[in-house]
Amino acid sequence: MSDTRRRVKVYTLNEDRQWDDRGTGHVSSTYVEELKGMSLLVRAESDGSLLLESKINPNTAYQKQQDTLIVWSEAENYDLALSFQEKAGCDEIWEKICQEDEKFLSEVFAQLTDEATDDDKRRELVNFFKEFCAFSQTLQPQNRDAFFKTLAKLGILPALEIVMGMDDLQVRSAATDIFSYLVEFSPSMVREFVMQEAQQSDDDILLINVVIEQMICDTDPELGGAVQLMGLLRTLIDPENMLATTNKTEKSEFLNFFYNHCMHVLTAPLLTNTSEDKCEKDFFLKHYRYSWSFVCTPSHSHSHSTPSSSISQDNMVGSNKNNTICPDNYQTAQLLALILELLTFCVEHHTYHIKNYIMNKDLLRRVLVLMNSKHTFLALCALRFMRRIIGLKDEFYNRYITKGNLFEPVINALLDNGTRYNLLNSAVIELFEFIRVEDIKSLTAHIVENFYKALESIEYVQTFKGLKTKYEQEKDRQNQKLNSNRFRRDAKTLEEDEEMWFNEDEEEEGKAVVAPVEKSKPEDDFPDNYEKFMETKKAKESEDKENLPKRTSPGGFKFTFSHSATAANGTNSKSVVAQTPPATSNGSSSKTTNLPTSVTATKGSLVGLVDYPDDEEEDEEEETSPRKRPRLGS
């Protein structure tokens, strides 16, 4: 029984673009001496005659279609096809074809990276790869995946790392195109390669840094190559296409790698063009082997300025003394705009990685130097970078902005723009309008407190007056809250003081206090009968309950004296027993006289308090009463 796996029909495409059946037979992959290579042979199942003999050529574009078809072209108008009876047979022959491709590609990679290869040959090889990758886009997804995996296995990325750093512009351009096909196919494959590479190589020769350097050093006046490379970098650092598994997170690993090994290369032109440090500029020029005409040369230091300094000259922020000198270098301005676009993307997608970098490098301050550029598009890129940061409504960023007084260059640009109604004016107004609408309180307060005098004359929009209104409303709310808290504290303090006052009052019971005392009655006129005494006592109680003397023994009263404020200086207290003076015979109260509340410092200050005998029950009632006693002698 014949092997049905290799059973095929051979077809050729005729001039009318129709497939002609050339017969049925069995296919094999065999080395043919006459053809000097591996070839596909098909022999007829009827008589064993040769239906097909075709050398597997790496330059030939083979296509696998519908799992059972292999199609290719051997000449300009000579297309062939093998239709397999079984999928397994088609897979076997397809693998043989790719193996031959691998051998060929390995030879090509070796020649491409060999220093001995002449420039013309290298240019020819890299262009071949470029066309090869372009053709792969016509393959079925399964075949395309197999193709790029084969390229990766054979070492396409290390080869690109070498040729992208060469001086030949055509070679670099073709290599960039190949790299774009690989990134589009699998950004994760490229990220995995560069992270493994970082463990064995210096930062300067990492593939991703080579790509960044090519972007920076693009000599095309329109920066066509730089724009293409910037797009590829954005794809590589985009968390949306990064994989997350249970064992590892590609996002965290790659972003840690990128910010540690690559971000300093990306920002070098920006930091250099906004620095007045000559050493920093020289380092950049030496490192990137490129002659620069700097877009901005600051004429002042970028140390943190205080808000008051920005409005010291007639309350105008836009003083030309703080401007930077920006030469008219369109190409460099374009490059910085591309870098800012990529950094803005990082702000939107990288959260704490870019936040740490911005604050550690004081990056926003350096970016805002470009607000003084003659190129409006570059100033707008700088403003857009700040707008994305503020749009996050992150208080860490807000504190960084206010502490560094980073609104000053923006307001300078607005005031320098004057009454011109243009894109820059609209973008600045939109920034402040966003702060007002979103009610970002910390930024609103900073703007109003430090810049409102310079902005209050702008009346064609209500943005700044609106910010002032928001600021005042918030200030009123804070004052009301403060007063409310103070009222609650005062009420609580009052209760505590009152409680302390009553406690002190209770402690002073039994001690001498300053109090007026009635003129004493004669002893023989004092009621002998206790009941009469109680009636008299109750009648007097409503007038001055606390001033009633207490009886200690028949016929006498005990006065206990204590020091007044003057006696506290050291005069000793004394206790005396005195008889009451006579009273009127009708028993009514005579005119009372108060004891002096103070005497000279030598004699002390003496007051009296009397206790009546047999008055325990009344004392108990008064002590258990919830009503506190008023302070005596007050």
Foldseek 3Di string as FASTA:
>chain_A
DDDQQQKKWKWKQDPVRDTDTQAIFGWDWDADVVVRAIWIWGAHPPPRHTSDTGHLDLLWDWADPPLFKIKTAPDPRIIMMIGGPDSVSVVVVVVVSVVVNLVVVLVLLVLLQDPPNDPVSNLVSLVSLLVVLVVLVPYDPVVSVVVLVSCVVSPVQVSLLRQCPDPDPSSVVSSLSNVVSNCVNPLPSVLVVQLVVVVPDALCSRSLLSLLLCLVAPPPLVSPSNVSSLVSVLSNLFQVRWDDDPVDGRNVSSLVVCLVRPPCSLCLLLLLLLDQDPVSVVVVCVSSVHDDDRQWHFPDDLDQDALQVQLVPVHANQDPVRAIDGDPDSSSLVSLLSSLVSLLSCLVGVPPSSVVVCLVVVPLSSQLSCCRGPDVSSVVSSLSSVLSNVVVLDVVVLCSCLRSVVCSSLSNSLVVVPPDDDDSVVSSLVSLQVCLVVVSPSNLCSCCVRRLVNVVVPDVDCSSVSSVVSNVVVVVVVVVVVVVVVVVVVVVVVVVVVVVVLVVLVVCVVPDDFAFEFQFAALVLQDPDVVVVVVVLVVCCVVPVQRDAAQDDRQWWWWFWDFDPLQVVPPDGDTDTDGGDHDDNVSDGDGTDGDDQFDDSNVGGTDGHTRHPPCVVVVVVVVPDPDGDDRHPD
